Amino acid sequence: MNTICTSVDFHTAGEPFRIVADPPVEIPGASVAQRRALAVPGSELDDLRRLLCFEPRGHADMYGGFITPPDDGGADFGVLFWHKDGFSTACGHGTMALGAWAVSSRIVAADPSGTTEVTIDVPSGRVRAQVHTDAEGRATSVDFVNVPSRLVASRITVSTSRGPISADLAWGGAIYALVDAADLGAPSLEVVPENLTALISLGREVKAGLADHPDTVHPEDERLSGVYGTIFVDRFGALPSGELHQRNVTIFADGQVDRSPCGSGTAARVAALHAKGELRSRQSLVHESIVGTRLRAKVLEETAGGVIPVVTGSAHRVATSTFEVDPLDDLVPGFVLR
């Protein structure tokens, strides 16, 4: 039996995140963005991704990250985010899990004040996880402070099997297509688990329909171009607290489902709502997932490049795993059924 690597698994609001602190293969590149560009099919790193993500060691909706050196001394470490279809530019729920992991593992020393800042280089830029701890040093919540996020385009018409659909495009470290579920027509497609199969199919259609749209081209870095996911939203108005309440499901990559409200997707949603005047500067968005978990988000700062969103939630450790490969095993790297 050949031992491959060890991982520490977390979940953030229900969404898995598998952390490999010491990848057993070379990760070429001078920056995190360059490392992602070089993690091509056929590379040792991509083979490792598939091994850890595909069944029987993972599943179609698995998510994780390989820890790398930071781009410079201004960050604690870097990370390459991955899923079943490749390597992503950003991951908010993963950033929150990494913050909790870094503090609980003492990779970053806990601040006596109860709030510890963990700075991480990701392919789309530099992000921060502000980890709040109790008297025993346990992470009680994490604030994800994202890169500048912005509304890219409004009311783009996309042809689908349900007819024309209107979508906004927003950037939150990746480009997301935002679609109001109420605008999908009959039969209703509320964001509830029983509609998940239909939402996955439609999410793929929206992404494919926007593949060549000029607004999906990143103005500064072609490597960040393209629609990463489709976010379907149910609007519930304001809570008695004054917070805006919405429920969403994010269908990302090739039909993967985010069980959480999606960290970077929530950042994109906040940027779009703020740009349209639907979310006031100090007002919070309560963003609910398809399984009922919640993240809270608001605009922390306005900059020339967009708003800086802060997304708050919690991340919890669920397992430590040692992965092995039997030389007689034919199912290597494995398979996915969706």
Protein backbone atom coordinates (compact mmCIF):
# COMPACT_ATOMS: atom_id res chain seq x y z
CA MET A 1 0.00 0.00 0.00
CA ASN A 2 1.38 3.42 -0.99
CA THR A 3 0.59 6.36 1.26
CA ILE A 4 -0.09 9.45 -0.86
CA CYS A 5 -0.83 12.32 1.51
CA THR A 6 -2.73 13.47 4.58
CA SER A 7 -5.56 15.97 4.58
CA VAL A 8 -7.52 17.90 7.17
CA ASP A 9 -11.17 18.25 6.19
CA PHE A 10 -13.43 21.14 7.21
CA HIS A 11 -16.90 22.27 6.30
CA THR A 12 -18.07 25.86 6.03
CA ALA A 13 -21.85 26.15 6.36
CA GLY A 14 -22.12 22.61 5.03
CA GLU A 15 -19.72 22.89 2.08
CA PRO A 16 -16.65 20.59 2.24
CA PHE A 17 -13.08 21.81 2.08
CA ARG A 18 -10.18 19.34 2.02
CA ILE A 19 -6.84 20.92 3.01
CA VAL A 20 -3.56 19.34 1.90
CA ALA A 21 -0.87 21.21 3.80
CA ASP A 22 2.08 19.35 2.30
CA PRO A 23 1.32 18.25 -1.28
CA PRO A 24 3.65 15.38 -2.25
CA VAL A 25 4.27 16.68 -5.78
CA GLU A 26 6.08 19.66 -7.26
CA ILE A 27 4.03 22.83 -7.71
CA PRO A 28 5.84 24.95 -10.31
CA GLY A 29 5.32 28.69 -10.67
CA ALA A 30 6.49 31.96 -9.11
CA SER A 31 3.04 33.08 -7.89
CA VAL A 32 -0.24 31.46 -6.95
CA ALA A 33 -1.86 32.69 -10.18
CA GLN A 34 0.99 31.23 -12.22
CA ARG A 35 0.85 27.95 -10.31
CA ARG A 36 -2.84 27.66 -11.19
CA ALA A 37 -2.09 28.30 -14.86
CA LEU A 38 0.53 25.53 -14.83
CA ALA A 39 -1.71 22.98 -13.09
CA VAL A 40 -2.83 21.56 -16.42
CA PRO A 41 -4.30 18.14 -17.20
CA GLY A 42 -1.54 15.55 -17.19
CA SER A 43 0.55 17.35 -14.57
CA GLU A 44 1.36 15.62 -11.30
CA LEU A 45 -0.61 18.25 -9.42
CA ASP A 46 -3.73 17.70 -11.51
CA ASP A 47 -3.39 13.94 -11.08
CA LEU A 48 -3.33 14.49 -7.30
CA ARG A 49 -6.40 16.71 -7.51
CA ARG A 50 -8.32 14.01 -9.35
CA LEU A 51 -7.22 11.33 -6.90
CA LEU A 52 -8.48 13.33 -3.90
CA CYS A 53 -11.62 14.64 -5.56
CA PHE A 54 -12.93 11.69 -7.56
CA GLU A 55 -14.75 8.74 -6.06
CA PRO A 56 -14.05 6.59 -4.10
CA ARG A 57 -11.88 9.08 -2.15
CA GLY A 58 -14.06 12.07 -2.90
CA HIS A 59 -17.27 12.81 -4.77
CA ALA A 60 -18.66 15.01 -7.54
CA ASP A 61 -19.12 17.98 -5.20
CA MET A 62 -15.83 17.73 -3.31
CA TYR A 63 -13.75 20.87 -2.88
CA GLY A 64 -10.28 21.45 -1.48
CA GLY A 65 -6.97 23.24 -1.64
CA PHE A 66 -3.23 22.67 -1.83
CA ILE A 67 -1.18 24.93 0.43
CA THR A 68 1.65 26.76 -1.37
CA PRO A 69 4.17 29.46 -0.48
CA PRO A 70 2.74 33.00 -0.55
CA ASP A 71 3.53 35.40 -3.37
CA ASP A 72 5.62 37.49 -0.96
CA GLY A 73 6.13 38.16 2.72
CA GLY A 74 2.84 40.02 3.01
CA ALA A 75 0.79 36.82 3.27
CA ASP A 76 0.93 33.81 5.58
CA PHE A 77 0.64 31.26 2.77
CA GLY A 78 -0.92 30.67 -0.63
CA VAL A 79 -3.48 28.15 -1.79
CA LEU A 80 -4.57 26.49 -5.01
CA PHE A 81 -8.31 25.82 -4.85
CA TRP A 82 -9.63 22.76 -6.67
CA HIS A 83 -12.82 20.90 -7.51
CA LYS A 84 -13.75 18.00 -9.78
CA ASP A 85 -13.23 19.98 -12.99
CA GLY A 86 -9.97 21.75 -12.21
CA PHE A 87 -8.56 24.69 -10.27
CA SER A 88 -10.63 27.77 -9.42
CA THR A 89 -9.65 31.43 -9.10
CA ALA A 90 -11.30 32.03 -5.73
CA CYS A 91 -13.13 30.29 -2.92
CA GLY A 92 -14.73 32.18 -0.05
CA HIS A 93 -15.86 29.18 1.97
CA GLY A 94 -12.40 27.68 1.52
CA THR A 95 -10.77 30.89 2.75
CA MET A 96 -12.90 30.75 5.89
CA ALA A 97 -11.98 27.11 6.47
CA LEU A 98 -8.30 27.94 5.92
CA GLY A 99 -8.48 30.71 8.50
CA ALA A 100 -9.95 28.38 11.12
CA TRP A 101 -7.41 25.68 10.20
CA ALA A 102 -4.42 28.03 10.37
CA VAL A 103 -5.32 29.25 13.85
CA SER A 104 -6.38 25.87 15.27
CA SER A 105 -3.21 24.28 13.85
CA ARG A 106 -1.09 27.16 15.22
CA ILE A 107 0.29 27.90 11.78
CA VAL A 108 -0.76 31.46 12.61
CA ALA A 109 -0.54 32.29 16.30
CA ALA A 110 -3.86 33.26 17.88
CA ASP A 111 -4.02 36.93 18.83
CA PRO A 112 -4.81 37.46 22.55
CA SER A 113 -7.44 40.02 21.51
CA GLY A 114 -9.65 37.18 20.24
CA THR A 115 -9.39 38.20 16.58
CA THR A 116 -6.57 36.81 14.46
CA GLU A 117 -5.94 37.90 10.89
CA VAL A 118 -4.81 35.24 8.42
CA THR A 119 -3.65 36.61 5.05
CA ILE A 120 -3.80 34.26 2.08
CA ASP A 121 -2.69 34.60 -1.54
CA VAL A 122 -5.20 33.08 -3.97
CA PRO A 123 -5.23 33.16 -7.79
CA SER A 124 -7.53 36.21 -7.89
CA GLY A 125 -5.52 38.23 -5.38
CA ARG A 126 -4.87 38.60 -1.66
CA VAL A 127 -7.67 37.83 0.78
CA ARG A 128 -8.00 37.82 4.55
CA ALA A 129 -9.69 35.59 7.08
CA GLN A 130 -10.36 37.28 10.41
CA VAL A 131 -10.73 34.41 12.87
CA HIS A 132 -12.65 35.07 16.09
CA THR A 133 -11.75 32.77 18.98
CA ASP A 134 -13.16 32.11 22.45
CA ALA A 135 -11.25 31.99 25.73
CA GLU A 136 -10.05 28.48 24.93
CA GLY A 137 -8.71 29.50 21.52
CA ARG A 138 -11.45 27.79 19.51
CA ALA A 139 -12.64 29.48 16.32
CA THR A 140 -16.21 30.69 16.86
CA SER A 141 -16.63 32.56 13.57
CA VAL A 142 -14.60 33.74 10.60
CA ASP A 143 -14.84 36.95 8.54
CA PHE A 144 -13.84 36.54 4.90
CA VAL A 145 -12.54 39.87 3.58
CA ASN A 146 -12.49 39.57 -0.20
CA VAL A 147 -10.81 41.26 -3.12
CA PRO A 148 -12.63 44.31 -4.59
CA SER A 149 -15.93 43.05 -6.00
CA ARG A 150 -18.23 44.69 -8.51
CA LEU A 151 -21.28 44.45 -10.72
CA VAL A 152 -19.99 43.71 -14.23
CA ALA A 153 -23.17 43.84 -16.34
CA SER A 154 -26.93 43.89 -15.84
CA ARG A 155 -29.84 42.09 -17.46
CA ILE A 156 -28.05 40.02 -20.06
CA THR A 157 -30.46 37.78 -21.95
CA VAL A 158 -29.51 34.10 -22.08
CA SER A 159 -31.34 31.53 -24.21
CA THR A 160 -32.24 28.36 -22.29
CA SER A 161 -34.61 25.41 -22.51
CA ARG A 162 -37.03 27.42 -20.33
CA GLY A 163 -36.89 30.34 -22.73
CA PRO A 164 -34.93 33.61 -22.40
CA ILE A 165 -33.49 34.27 -18.94
CA SER A 166 -32.16 37.56 -17.60
CA ALA A 167 -28.85 37.41 -15.73
CA ASP A 168 -26.55 39.92 -14.06
CA LEU A 169 -22.80 39.34 -14.03
CA ALA A 170 -20.81 40.13 -10.91
CA TRP A 171 -17.21 39.66 -9.84
CA GLY A 172 -16.30 38.37 -6.39
CA GLY A 173 -12.94 36.80 -7.18
CA ALA A 174 -14.64 34.89 -9.97
CA ILE A 175 -17.44 35.87 -12.35
CA TYR A 176 -20.93 34.74 -11.39
CA ALA A 177 -24.20 34.91 -13.31
CA LEU A 178 -26.97 36.04 -10.94
CA VAL A 179 -30.51 34.89 -11.76
CA ASP A 180 -33.72 35.59 -9.84
CA ALA A 181 -35.61 32.31 -9.46
CA ALA A 182 -38.91 34.21 -9.54
CA ASP A 183 -38.17 35.30 -13.12
CA LEU A 184 -37.82 31.75 -14.44
CA GLY A 185 -41.52 31.37 -15.20
CA ALA A 186 -43.69 28.28 -14.84
CA PRO A 187 -43.27 25.74 -13.50
CA SER A 188 -41.79 27.45 -10.45
CA LEU A 189 -38.14 26.76 -9.62
CA GLU A 190 -37.75 27.87 -6.03
CA VAL A 191 -34.36 27.31 -4.44
CA VAL A 192 -35.31 24.16 -2.54
CA PRO A 193 -33.71 20.68 -2.51
CA GLU A 194 -36.50 19.05 -4.53
CA ASN A 195 -35.70 21.36 -7.46
CA LEU A 196 -31.96 20.73 -7.34
CA THR A 197 -31.71 18.50 -10.42
CA ALA A 198 -33.52 21.09 -12.54
CA LEU A 199 -31.41 23.91 -11.09
CA ILE A 200 -28.18 22.05 -11.88
CA SER A 201 -29.28 21.55 -15.47
CA LEU A 202 -30.34 25.17 -15.88
CA GLY A 203 -27.19 26.45 -14.20
CA ARG A 204 -25.10 24.59 -16.75
CA GLU A 205 -27.21 26.08 -19.57
CA VAL A 206 -26.75 29.63 -18.30
CA LYS A 207 -22.99 29.18 -17.97
CA ALA A 208 -22.74 27.67 -21.46
CA GLY A 209 -24.93 30.43 -22.91
CA LEU A 210 -22.56 33.09 -21.56
CA ALA A 211 -19.35 31.34 -22.62
CA ASP A 212 -18.51 33.78 -25.41
CA HIS A 213 -20.07 36.92 -23.95
CA PRO A 214 -17.63 39.86 -24.03
CA ASP A 215 -18.53 40.92 -20.48
CA THR A 216 -17.11 37.65 -19.14
CA VAL A 217 -13.59 38.67 -20.19
CA HIS A 218 -11.55 39.93 -17.24
CA PRO A 219 -10.16 43.37 -18.15
CA GLU A 220 -6.73 42.80 -16.61
CA ASP A 221 -6.00 39.07 -16.52
CA GLU A 222 -7.31 36.65 -19.14
CA ARG A 223 -6.71 33.77 -16.72
CA LEU A 224 -9.58 35.09 -14.59
CA SER A 225 -12.09 35.25 -17.46
CA GLY A 226 -15.23 33.20 -17.90
CA VAL A 227 -18.36 32.51 -15.86
CA TYR A 228 -17.47 30.31 -12.90
CA GLY A 229 -20.96 29.70 -11.59
CA THR A 230 -24.66 30.49 -11.82
CA ILE A 231 -26.37 31.74 -8.67
CA PHE A 232 -30.17 31.29 -8.44
CA VAL A 233 -31.77 33.55 -5.84
CA ASP A 234 -35.04 33.65 -3.90
CA ARG A 235 -35.78 37.08 -2.39
CA PHE A 236 -37.55 37.30 0.99
CA GLY A 237 -37.36 41.03 1.65
CA ALA A 238 -36.09 42.45 4.93
CA LEU A 239 -35.98 40.76 8.33
CA PRO A 240 -37.28 42.58 11.45
CA SER A 241 -33.61 43.38 12.18
CA GLY A 242 -33.44 45.35 8.92
CA GLU A 243 -31.13 42.81 7.28
CA LEU A 244 -31.88 41.78 3.72
CA HIS A 245 -32.80 38.09 3.51
CA GLN A 246 -32.22 35.97 0.41
CA ARG A 247 -31.74 32.27 -0.34
CA ASN A 248 -29.50 30.98 -3.10
CA VAL A 249 -27.86 27.99 -4.66
CA THR A 250 -24.64 28.27 -6.64
CA ILE A 251 -24.11 25.83 -9.51
CA PHE A 252 -20.41 26.13 -10.30
CA ALA A 253 -17.75 24.50 -12.49
CA ASP A 254 -19.51 21.71 -14.41
CA GLY A 255 -22.69 21.21 -12.40
CA GLN A 256 -21.19 21.22 -8.90
CA VAL A 257 -23.51 22.34 -6.11
CA ASP A 258 -22.38 24.59 -3.27
CA ARG A 259 -24.05 23.42 -0.07
CA SER A 260 -23.13 26.69 1.63
CA PRO A 261 -24.42 30.10 0.50
CA CYS A 262 -21.07 30.38 -1.39
CA GLY A 263 -18.46 32.75 0.03
CA SER A 264 -17.13 34.40 -3.13
CA GLY A 265 -20.61 34.18 -4.67
CA THR A 266 -22.03 36.02 -1.66
CA ALA A 267 -19.36 38.68 -2.15
CA ALA A 268 -20.42 39.04 -5.80
CA ARG A 269 -24.07 39.22 -4.72
CA VAL A 270 -23.31 41.97 -2.20
CA ALA A 271 -21.46 43.97 -4.86
CA ALA A 272 -24.37 43.67 -7.30
CA LEU A 273 -27.02 44.58 -4.72
CA HIS A 274 -24.99 47.56 -3.53
CA ALA A 275 -24.41 48.80 -7.08
CA LYS A 276 -28.16 48.65 -7.77
CA GLY A 277 -29.05 50.49 -4.57
CA GLU A 278 -30.73 47.43 -3.04
CA LEU A 279 -28.23 47.03 -0.19
CA ARG A 280 -27.31 50.08 1.84
CA SER A 281 -23.71 50.70 2.87
CA ARG A 282 -24.08 49.39 6.43
CA GLN A 283 -26.92 46.97 5.79
CA SER A 284 -26.23 43.24 6.02
CA LEU A 285 -27.34 40.51 3.66
CA VAL A 286 -28.43 37.27 5.30
CA HIS A 287 -27.59 34.78 2.58
CA GLU A 288 -29.17 31.37 3.09
CA SER A 289 -28.15 28.17 1.33
CA ILE A 290 -30.29 25.47 -0.22
CA VAL A 291 -29.76 23.39 2.96
CA GLY A 292 -30.68 26.27 5.29
CA THR A 293 -27.22 27.35 6.50
CA ARG A 294 -26.46 31.06 6.55
CA LEU A 295 -23.70 33.56 5.91
CA ARG A 296 -23.95 37.26 6.71
CA ALA A 297 -22.30 39.82 4.45
CA LYS A 298 -21.99 43.56 3.98
CA VAL A 299 -19.86 46.19 2.29
CA LEU A 300 -16.80 46.89 4.40
CA GLU A 301 -15.29 49.58 2.17
CA GLU A 302 -15.78 51.28 -1.18
CA THR A 303 -12.76 51.57 -3.47
CA ALA A 304 -12.07 52.66 -7.02
CA GLY A 305 -11.96 48.99 -8.06
CA GLY A 306 -15.24 48.07 -6.40
CA VAL A 307 -16.54 47.34 -2.92
CA ILE A 308 -14.67 45.26 -0.36
CA PRO A 309 -17.20 42.73 0.98
CA VAL A 310 -16.89 40.99 4.31
CA VAL A 311 -18.66 37.65 4.64
CA THR A 312 -19.13 36.09 8.08
CA GLY A 313 -19.78 32.47 8.98
CA SER A 314 -18.19 29.50 10.73
CA ALA A 315 -15.98 26.61 9.69
CA HIS A 316 -15.56 23.33 11.54
CA ARG A 317 -13.08 20.49 11.36
CA VAL A 318 -14.62 17.14 10.49
CA ALA A 319 -11.76 14.72 9.75
CA THR A 320 -8.09 13.99 9.33
CA SER A 321 -7.48 11.48 6.56
CA THR A 322 -4.50 9.57 5.20
CA PHE A 323 -4.97 8.63 1.56
CA GLU A 324 -3.51 5.47 0.12
CA VAL A 325 -3.29 3.78 -3.24
CA ASP A 326 -3.25 0.00 -3.51
CA PRO A 327 -0.98 -0.99 -6.43
CA LEU A 328 -3.65 -3.53 -7.41
CA ASP A 329 -6.44 -0.95 -7.46
CA ASP A 330 -7.82 -0.34 -10.96
CA LEU A 331 -9.86 2.68 -9.83
CA VAL A 332 -7.02 5.20 -9.79
CA PRO A 333 -7.48 8.14 -9.88
CA GLY A 334 -11.17 7.23 -9.68
CA PHE A 335 -14.42 8.34 -11.29
CA VAL A 336 -17.29 10.79 -11.07
CA LEU A 337 -20.90 10.13 -12.01
CA ARG A 338 -21.91 13.73 -12.75
